[in-house]
């Protein structure tokens, strides 16, 4: 399909309705339906089930359980140097670089607002001004759990309602401000190297986004909602480097944000690179003062 026509079509179709229907199908436990769905998916996308903790596709209770499957303990290894920031997910680097003048590069001819991305919070956006970003796209065949690039303590989580455009490269090249328009969850962690944002972006047919501390986050209701995890009544949420922090029920994108001079991306990491969770993305600087 022509990329421009595909982008135009997405403005017309009922994005949320289609995604909710897909979510219902993905949770269906009818053996004849879920087994056929999973088997077709495995064959079409050539999913390597030998890495899964449960290798039998038909053993999963529904499609979502298969899609968010755990891997064997030795399927992924973390970069051994603790000074290296690790990749949060399997996928492909959509873009990677520096935040310039409060704008983040999306694709040729397109960028988007840092402030809009984090939900309109200008004070929060200021913490990442002139900093570093990395956008990792998870294709349907990828492992869909998201892990911590470094250790951190959760400060806040914001659910930002929005559209559900596809997030593949063709759409990124044709829809302005894509990642600041789509539904997303913005998780802010405090680390030894300053704040870190992990932004889980929803997309067409993505049934939901989950985090390990809050469970199902999107869609609770289509209104901006921020939860402060530094309040005394809340149990602190601290996660180690490589720990799971969330997952997508059907694929999407993770965006990392880091403050100015806190991380230097490896020269080998460029747009279009395939990546795996745990491999080094960049080098961390000295601890924040």
Protein backbone atom coordinates (compact mmCIF):
# COMPACT_ATOMS: atom_id res chain seq x y z
CA UNK A 1 0.00 0.00 0.00
CA UNK A 2 1.22 3.49 -0.82
CA UNK A 3 2.60 5.02 2.46
CA UNK A 4 0.84 8.36 1.91
CA UNK A 5 -2.49 6.65 1.25
CA UNK A 6 -1.98 4.45 4.35
CA UNK A 7 -1.33 7.56 6.45
CA UNK A 8 -4.43 9.30 5.05
CA UNK A 9 -6.56 6.22 5.70
CA UNK A 10 -5.63 6.33 9.39
CA UNK A 11 -7.26 9.74 9.78
CA UNK A 12 -10.56 8.26 8.60
CA UNK A 13 -10.89 4.87 10.28
CA UNK A 14 -12.21 4.53 13.88
CA UNK A 15 -8.81 3.94 15.56
CA UNK A 16 -9.98 3.36 19.13
CA UNK A 17 -12.93 1.16 18.17
CA UNK A 18 -10.75 -1.11 16.01
CA UNK A 19 -8.16 -1.33 18.77
CA UNK A 20 -10.75 -2.27 21.40
CA UNK A 21 -12.17 -4.98 19.12
CA UNK A 22 -8.65 -6.29 18.58
CA UNK A 23 -8.20 -6.28 22.34
CA UNK A 24 -11.29 -8.43 22.81
CA UNK A 25 -10.09 -10.94 20.22
CA UNK A 26 -6.61 -11.00 21.79
CA UNK A 27 -8.14 -11.95 25.17
CA UNK A 28 -10.41 -14.65 23.74
CA UNK A 29 -9.86 -18.10 25.31
CA UNK A 30 -11.79 -20.16 22.76
CA UNK A 31 -9.19 -22.79 21.73
CA UNK A 32 -10.25 -22.98 18.08
CA UNK A 33 -9.93 -19.20 17.68
CA UNK A 34 -6.91 -18.35 19.81
CA UNK A 35 -4.85 -21.33 18.57
CA UNK A 36 -5.50 -20.49 14.93
CA UNK A 37 -4.75 -16.82 15.59
CA UNK A 38 -1.46 -17.57 17.36
CA UNK A 39 -0.30 -20.21 14.85
CA UNK A 40 -1.01 -17.92 11.90
CA UNK A 41 0.85 -15.08 13.61
CA UNK A 42 3.91 -17.25 14.39
CA UNK A 43 4.11 -18.48 10.82
CA UNK A 44 3.51 -15.11 9.18
CA UNK A 45 6.04 -13.19 11.30
CA UNK A 46 8.47 -16.12 11.69
CA UNK A 47 8.51 -15.79 15.47
CA UNK A 48 11.38 -17.72 17.10
CA UNK A 49 9.58 -19.70 19.80
CA UNK A 50 12.78 -21.49 20.87
CA UNK A 51 13.63 -18.41 22.96
CA UNK A 52 10.30 -18.42 24.80
CA UNK A 53 9.98 -19.87 28.28
CA UNK A 54 6.93 -21.75 26.94
CA UNK A 55 7.81 -22.90 23.41
CA UNK A 56 4.41 -24.38 22.52
CA UNK A 57 2.28 -21.60 20.96
CA UNK A 58 -0.97 -23.40 21.78
CA UNK A 59 -0.13 -23.63 25.49
CA UNK A 60 -0.93 -19.93 26.02
CA UNK A 61 -4.37 -19.14 27.42
CA UNK A 62 -4.99 -16.39 24.86
CA UNK A 63 -3.19 -14.34 22.22
CA UNK A 64 -2.13 -11.61 24.64
CA UNK A 65 -0.43 -14.17 26.90
CA UNK A 66 1.49 -15.40 23.86
CA UNK A 67 2.31 -11.90 22.67
CA UNK A 68 3.71 -10.80 26.04
CA UNK A 69 5.44 -14.16 26.59
CA UNK A 70 8.43 -14.42 28.91
CA UNK A 71 11.80 -15.48 27.51
CA UNK A 72 14.15 -18.11 28.86
CA UNK A 73 16.53 -16.72 31.51
CA UNK A 74 19.54 -16.89 29.16
CA UNK A 75 17.75 -15.53 26.06
CA UNK A 76 19.00 -11.98 26.72
CA UNK A 77 22.17 -10.77 28.43
CA UNK A 78 22.84 -7.33 29.88
CA UNK A 79 25.88 -5.31 28.88
CA UNK A 80 28.43 -6.03 31.62
CA UNK A 81 29.79 -2.49 32.00
CA UNK A 82 27.57 -0.73 34.61
CA UNK A 83 28.49 2.62 33.04
CA UNK A 84 26.57 1.66 29.91
CA UNK A 85 22.91 2.43 29.37
CA UNK A 86 21.15 -0.65 28.02
CA UNK A 87 18.42 -0.99 25.41
CA UNK A 88 14.95 -1.30 27.01
CA UNK A 89 13.41 -3.57 24.38
CA UNK A 90 13.87 -5.69 21.30
CA UNK A 91 13.15 -3.80 18.11
CA UNK A 92 14.62 -1.27 15.75
CA UNK A 93 16.04 2.18 16.43
CA UNK A 94 13.62 4.58 14.78
CA UNK A 95 15.70 7.65 15.69
CA UNK A 96 18.44 8.48 18.19
CA UNK A 97 20.19 11.74 18.97
CA UNK A 98 19.95 15.04 20.83
CA UNK A 99 16.93 17.14 21.73
CA UNK A 100 17.38 20.50 19.99
CA UNK A 101 15.48 23.67 20.91
CA UNK A 102 12.81 21.61 22.63
CA UNK A 103 12.16 19.50 19.51
CA UNK A 104 12.71 15.76 18.92
CA UNK A 105 13.49 14.39 15.47
CA UNK A 106 10.84 11.98 14.16
CA UNK A 107 11.68 11.39 10.49
CA UNK A 108 12.83 13.37 7.47
CA UNK A 109 10.80 16.56 7.44
CA UNK A 110 9.13 15.94 10.80
CA UNK A 111 9.89 16.64 14.44
CA UNK A 112 7.70 17.17 17.50
CA UNK A 113 7.52 19.08 20.76
CA UNK A 114 9.24 17.73 23.88
CA UNK A 115 6.68 19.54 26.05
CA UNK A 116 3.74 18.01 24.19
CA UNK A 117 5.34 14.55 24.38
CA UNK A 118 5.47 14.61 28.20
CA UNK A 119 1.85 15.77 28.47
CA UNK A 120 2.22 19.55 28.38
CA UNK A 121 4.26 19.84 31.60
CA UNK A 122 6.77 22.62 30.82
CA UNK A 123 8.63 22.20 34.11
CA UNK A 124 9.17 18.50 33.41
CA UNK A 125 10.20 19.21 29.81
CA UNK A 126 12.84 21.64 31.06
CA UNK A 127 14.60 18.76 32.83
CA UNK A 128 15.34 17.16 29.44
CA UNK A 129 16.00 20.32 27.41
CA UNK A 130 19.06 19.84 25.13
CA UNK A 131 19.31 16.27 26.39
CA UNK A 132 19.40 12.92 24.60
CA UNK A 133 16.60 10.78 23.18
CA UNK A 134 16.24 7.34 21.66
CA UNK A 135 13.14 5.95 19.94
CA UNK A 136 12.83 2.14 19.72
CA UNK A 137 10.11 0.60 17.54
CA UNK A 138 8.83 -2.86 18.47
CA UNK A 139 7.60 -4.78 15.43
CA UNK A 140 4.93 -7.52 15.76
CA UNK A 141 7.54 -10.30 15.79
CA UNK A 142 9.57 -8.80 18.64
CA UNK A 143 9.65 -9.61 22.36
CA UNK A 144 7.19 -7.15 23.90
CA UNK A 145 8.27 -6.64 27.47
CA UNK A 146 10.04 -3.38 28.30
CA UNK A 147 12.96 -3.26 30.73
CA UNK A 148 14.87 -0.64 32.69
CA UNK A 149 17.90 0.87 30.86
CA UNK A 150 19.37 1.71 34.29
CA UNK A 151 18.32 1.52 37.93
CA UNK A 152 15.81 4.11 39.08
CA UNK A 153 13.01 5.06 41.48
CA UNK A 154 9.65 6.01 40.00
CA UNK A 155 8.74 9.65 40.56
CA UNK A 156 5.53 9.92 38.54
CA UNK A 157 3.42 8.31 35.85
CA UNK A 158 1.21 10.26 33.46
CA UNK A 159 -1.37 8.77 31.13
CA UNK A 160 -1.83 11.03 28.09
CA UNK A 161 -4.88 10.32 25.89
CA UNK A 162 -4.52 10.65 22.15
CA UNK A 163 -4.81 9.12 18.73
CA UNK A 164 -3.77 5.58 17.77
CA UNK A 165 -1.88 6.04 14.54
CA UNK A 166 0.42 3.23 13.48
CA UNK A 167 4.02 3.89 14.57
CA UNK A 168 5.94 2.13 11.81
CA UNK A 169 8.48 4.00 9.70
CA UNK A 170 6.08 4.68 6.84
CA UNK A 171 3.65 6.41 9.18
CA UNK A 172 6.43 8.31 10.99
CA UNK A 173 7.49 9.75 7.65
CA UNK A 174 3.99 10.93 6.76
CA UNK A 175 2.15 12.00 9.93
CA UNK A 176 3.47 15.16 11.65
CA UNK A 177 4.03 15.03 15.41
CA UNK A 178 3.13 11.34 15.54
CA UNK A 179 4.52 10.42 18.96
CA UNK A 180 3.18 13.56 20.64
CA UNK A 181 -0.29 12.83 19.23
CA UNK A 182 -0.70 9.16 20.11
CA UNK A 183 -1.97 7.78 23.41
CA UNK A 184 0.99 7.21 25.76
CA UNK A 185 2.24 6.56 29.27
CA UNK A 186 5.03 8.80 30.57
CA UNK A 187 7.03 7.26 33.44
CA UNK A 188 9.63 9.47 35.14
CA UNK A 189 12.41 7.83 37.16
CA UNK A 190 15.03 9.45 39.38
CA UNK A 191 18.45 7.87 38.92
CA UNK A 192 22.07 8.41 39.94
CA UNK A 193 22.51 10.20 36.63
CA UNK A 194 19.52 12.51 36.89
CA UNK A 195 15.93 12.02 35.72
CA UNK A 196 15.02 9.48 33.05
CA UNK A 197 11.77 9.37 31.08
CA UNK A 198 10.43 6.13 29.63
CA UNK A 199 7.50 6.83 27.34
CA UNK A 200 5.39 3.91 26.13
CA UNK A 201 3.48 5.00 23.04
CA UNK A 202 0.25 3.34 22.02
CA UNK A 203 -0.59 2.59 18.39
CA UNK A 204 -3.18 1.17 16.03
CA UNK A 205 -4.49 -2.19 17.31
CA UNK A 206 -2.50 -1.90 20.57
CA UNK A 207 -5.04 -3.26 23.03
CA UNK A 208 -3.36 -1.88 26.15
CA UNK A 209 -0.22 -0.75 27.95
CA UNK A 210 0.74 -2.22 31.32
CA UNK A 211 3.35 -1.39 33.96
CA UNK A 212 4.62 -3.71 36.68
CA UNK A 213 3.54 -1.32 39.44
CA UNK A 214 0.08 -0.27 38.19
CA UNK A 215 -1.04 -3.08 35.90
CA UNK A 216 -3.30 -1.95 33.05
CA UNK A 217 -2.75 1.76 32.40
CA UNK A 218 -4.28 2.47 29.01
CA UNK A 219 -7.11 2.88 28.44
CA UNK A 220 -8.57 3.57 31.91
CA UNK A 221 -10.46 6.59 30.59
CA UNK A 222 -9.54 9.05 27.90
CA UNK A 223 -8.40 11.91 30.13
CA UNK A 224 -4.94 13.04 31.20
CA UNK A 225 -4.06 11.58 34.59
CA UNK A 226 -0.88 12.01 36.61
CA UNK A 227 0.07 9.92 39.64
CA UNK A 228 2.81 11.10 42.00
CA UNK A 229 4.80 8.20 43.43
CA UNK A 230 6.81 10.34 45.86
CA UNK A 231 3.81 10.85 48.17
CA UNK A 232 4.34 9.40 51.65
CA UNK A 233 1.25 7.20 51.40
CA UNK A 234 2.66 5.38 48.37
CA UNK A 235 5.13 2.53 48.49
CA UNK A 236 8.33 3.54 46.65
CA UNK A 237 8.80 1.78 43.31
CA UNK A 238 12.49 1.09 42.73
CA UNK A 239 13.61 -1.03 39.79
CA UNK A 240 17.06 -2.34 38.94
CA UNK A 241 18.93 -2.22 35.66
CA UNK A 242 17.33 -4.79 33.34
CA UNK A 243 14.18 -5.28 35.45
CA UNK A 244 10.88 -5.44 33.59
CA UNK A 245 8.93 -2.17 33.87
CA UNK A 246 6.05 -2.70 31.45
CA UNK A 247 4.70 -4.39 28.36
CA UNK A 248 2.62 -3.82 25.25
CA UNK A 249 -0.33 -6.01 24.31
CA UNK A 250 0.43 -5.73 20.59
CA UNK A 251 3.47 -3.74 19.52
CA UNK A 252 4.43 -0.11 19.64
CA UNK A 253 7.29 2.26 20.58
CA UNK A 254 9.42 3.21 23.58
CA UNK A 255 11.02 6.65 23.80
CA UNK A 256 13.86 7.32 26.25
CA UNK A 257 14.70 10.85 27.42
CA UNK A 258 17.83 11.85 29.36
CA UNK A 259 19.11 15.23 30.58
CA UNK A 260 21.82 17.24 28.88
CA UNK A 261 25.30 15.71 29.18
CA UNK A 262 24.06 12.63 31.07
CA UNK A 263 24.52 10.04 28.33
CA UNK A 264 26.52 9.71 25.13
CA UNK A 265 25.05 7.39 22.52
CA UNK A 266 27.38 4.81 21.01
CA UNK A 267 28.46 5.79 17.51
CA UNK A 268 27.35 2.35 16.26
CA UNK A 269 23.75 3.05 17.30
CA UNK A 270 21.97 4.64 14.37
CA UNK A 271 18.45 4.88 12.93
CA UNK A 272 17.50 1.59 11.30
CA UNK A 273 19.65 -0.60 13.57
CA UNK A 274 18.07 -3.75 14.95
CA UNK A 275 18.55 -3.96 18.73
CA UNK A 276 17.91 -6.38 21.56
CA UNK A 277 16.99 -5.74 25.13
CA UNK A 278 20.12 -5.59 27.27
CA UNK A 279 22.69 -4.49 24.71
CA UNK A 280 24.53 -1.20 25.25
CA UNK A 281 22.96 1.94 23.76
CA UNK A 282 25.23 4.56 25.27
CA UNK A 283 27.66 5.52 28.00
CA UNK A 284 26.55 7.26 31.17
CA UNK A 285 28.44 10.28 32.45
CA UNK A 286 29.43 10.97 36.04
CA UNK A 287 26.67 10.89 38.65
CA UNK A 288 24.42 13.94 38.78
CA UNK A 289 25.24 16.45 41.50
